[in-house]
Amino acid sequence: MRAEPIKKELHAKAKELGVDKIVLEFSGGSDEGHLYVQADHGWEANWNTEEEKSEHRKKIHKLESDVYEWADDAYEYSGAGDGTPYGDNITYNFAEGKVTTQEWCNVQRMEDECHDTLQTR
């Protein structure tokens, strides 16, 4: 899957919140596509109060929701397939100024057959 440029507004908001990476995890395989969004950020900040920490978490969740809405429009991902799980991961790494794409799939692997004497009871 080819990575789409992320919206400037989302990039700016992510930087403002101290987000290092945004990861889009697409999955499919049985005619239904799914998207999970994760914003990676450092929680090492010294919060003055639990309320400040809670407010920051709410802003991160809002950002993830906004990214989800954008990605749902920017990417066409049907999830169509024969039931075998597959997917794509896209990582927007703001710290390094890079975007990384990765495809994955589950593959059935058959081991060698084992033979033994047939027994009955």
Protein backbone atom coordinates (compact mmCIF):
# COMPACT_ATOMS: atom_id res chain seq x y z
CA MET A 1 0.00 0.00 0.00
CA ARG A 2 1.25 3.44 -0.89
CA ALA A 3 1.33 5.98 1.96
CA GLU A 4 -0.73 9.12 1.48
CA PRO A 5 0.67 12.45 2.72
CA ILE A 6 -0.78 13.25 6.12
CA LYS A 7 -2.80 16.44 6.47
CA LYS A 8 -0.78 19.43 7.70
CA GLU A 9 -3.33 20.12 10.45
CA LEU A 10 -2.96 16.60 11.84
CA HIS A 11 0.82 16.78 11.67
CA ALA A 12 0.85 20.13 13.49
CA LYS A 13 -1.51 18.85 16.19
CA ALA A 14 0.59 15.74 16.68
CA LYS A 15 3.77 17.76 17.09
CA GLU A 16 2.01 20.10 19.53
CA LEU A 17 0.98 17.11 21.68
CA GLY A 18 4.45 15.55 21.62
CA VAL A 19 3.43 12.66 19.37
CA ASP A 20 6.47 10.96 17.82
CA LYS A 21 4.61 8.54 15.53
CA ILE A 22 1.17 7.80 14.21
CA VAL A 23 0.59 4.20 13.21
CA LEU A 24 -2.26 3.10 10.94
CA GLU A 25 -2.97 -0.63 11.11
CA PHE A 26 -5.27 -1.87 8.35
CA SER A 27 -6.53 -5.45 8.38
CA GLY A 28 -8.86 -7.48 6.22
CA GLY A 29 -9.39 -10.78 4.52
CA SER A 30 -13.07 -11.59 4.85
CA ASP A 31 -14.76 -8.78 2.94
CA GLU A 32 -14.51 -6.29 5.79
CA GLY A 33 -11.68 -3.80 6.28
CA HIS A 34 -10.65 -2.58 9.72
CA LEU A 35 -8.48 0.34 10.79
CA TYR A 36 -6.77 0.90 14.12
CA VAL A 37 -4.95 4.18 14.82
CA GLN A 38 -2.31 4.62 17.49
CA ALA A 39 -0.46 7.80 18.43
CA ASP A 40 2.88 7.04 20.10
CA HIS A 41 3.96 9.69 22.54
CA GLY A 42 6.19 10.05 25.56
CA TRP A 43 4.44 10.00 28.90
CA GLU A 44 7.63 10.99 30.69
CA ALA A 45 6.36 14.53 31.13
CA ASN A 46 6.10 15.75 34.67
CA TRP A 47 2.44 16.46 35.15
CA ASN A 48 1.55 18.96 37.84
CA THR A 49 -1.82 17.30 38.41
CA GLU A 50 -3.74 14.20 37.40
CA GLU A 51 -6.19 16.57 35.73
CA GLU A 52 -3.45 17.82 33.37
CA LYS A 53 -2.53 14.23 32.51
CA SER A 54 -6.19 13.38 31.92
CA GLU A 55 -6.64 16.43 29.66
CA HIS A 56 -3.59 15.41 27.62
CA ARG A 57 -4.96 11.89 27.20
CA LYS A 58 -8.25 13.30 25.95
CA LYS A 59 -6.37 15.41 23.37
CA ILE A 60 -4.43 12.33 22.22
CA HIS A 61 -7.67 10.35 21.83
CA LYS A 62 -9.20 13.24 19.87
CA LEU A 63 -6.15 13.29 17.59
CA GLU A 64 -6.44 9.53 17.02
CA SER A 65 -10.12 9.98 16.18
CA ASP A 66 -9.32 12.81 13.73
CA VAL A 67 -6.59 10.70 12.10
CA TYR A 68 -9.04 7.80 11.81
CA GLU A 69 -11.57 10.02 10.01
CA TRP A 70 -8.88 11.35 7.65
CA ALA A 71 -7.42 7.88 6.93
CA ASP A 72 -10.86 6.40 6.34
CA ASP A 73 -11.33 8.95 3.53
CA ALA A 74 -7.73 8.97 2.25
CA TYR A 75 -7.35 5.20 1.90
CA GLU A 76 -9.67 2.80 0.11
CA TYR A 77 -9.48 -0.41 2.09
CA SER A 78 -12.24 -2.92 1.49
CA GLY A 79 -10.71 -5.89 3.29
CA ALA A 80 -12.00 -8.19 0.54
CA GLY A 81 -10.49 -11.63 0.46
CA ASP A 82 -10.92 -15.36 0.85
CA GLY A 83 -10.93 -15.33 4.65
CA THR A 84 -7.16 -15.37 5.04
CA PRO A 85 -6.12 -12.45 7.27
CA TYR A 86 -3.89 -9.78 5.76
CA GLY A 87 -3.13 -6.15 6.30
CA ASP A 88 -0.99 -3.07 5.91
CA ASN A 89 0.77 -0.97 8.51
CA ILE A 90 1.73 2.64 7.81
CA THR A 91 3.89 4.54 10.28
CA TYR A 92 4.24 8.31 10.10
CA ASN A 93 7.45 8.94 12.07
CA PHE A 94 7.60 12.67 12.85
CA ALA A 95 10.83 12.41 14.86
CA GLU A 96 12.71 10.98 11.84
CA GLY A 97 10.68 12.71 9.12
CA LYS A 98 9.87 9.37 7.47
CA VAL A 99 6.87 7.26 6.55
CA THR A 100 7.16 3.47 6.53
CA THR A 101 4.81 0.97 4.92
CA GLN A 102 4.63 -2.74 5.63
CA GLU A 103 2.34 -5.48 4.30
CA TRP A 104 1.57 -8.63 6.23
CA CYS A 105 -0.45 -11.81 5.73
CA ASN A 106 -1.08 -15.11 7.44
CA VAL A 107 0.10 -18.11 5.48
CA GLN A 108 -0.87 -21.70 6.17
CA ARG A 109 2.19 -23.87 6.77
CA MET A 110 1.99 -27.65 6.62
CA GLU A 111 4.44 -29.69 8.67
CA ASP A 112 5.69 -33.12 7.61
CA GLU A 113 3.20 -35.90 8.19
CA CYS A 114 3.73 -38.20 11.16
CA HIS A 115 2.74 -41.85 10.77
CA ASP A 116 2.02 -44.32 13.54
CA THR A 117 0.44 -47.74 13.83
CA LEU A 118 -3.35 -47.65 13.84
CA GLN A 119 -4.74 -48.94 17.10
CA THR A 120 -8.26 -49.67 18.27
CA ARG A 121 -9.83 -50.22 21.72
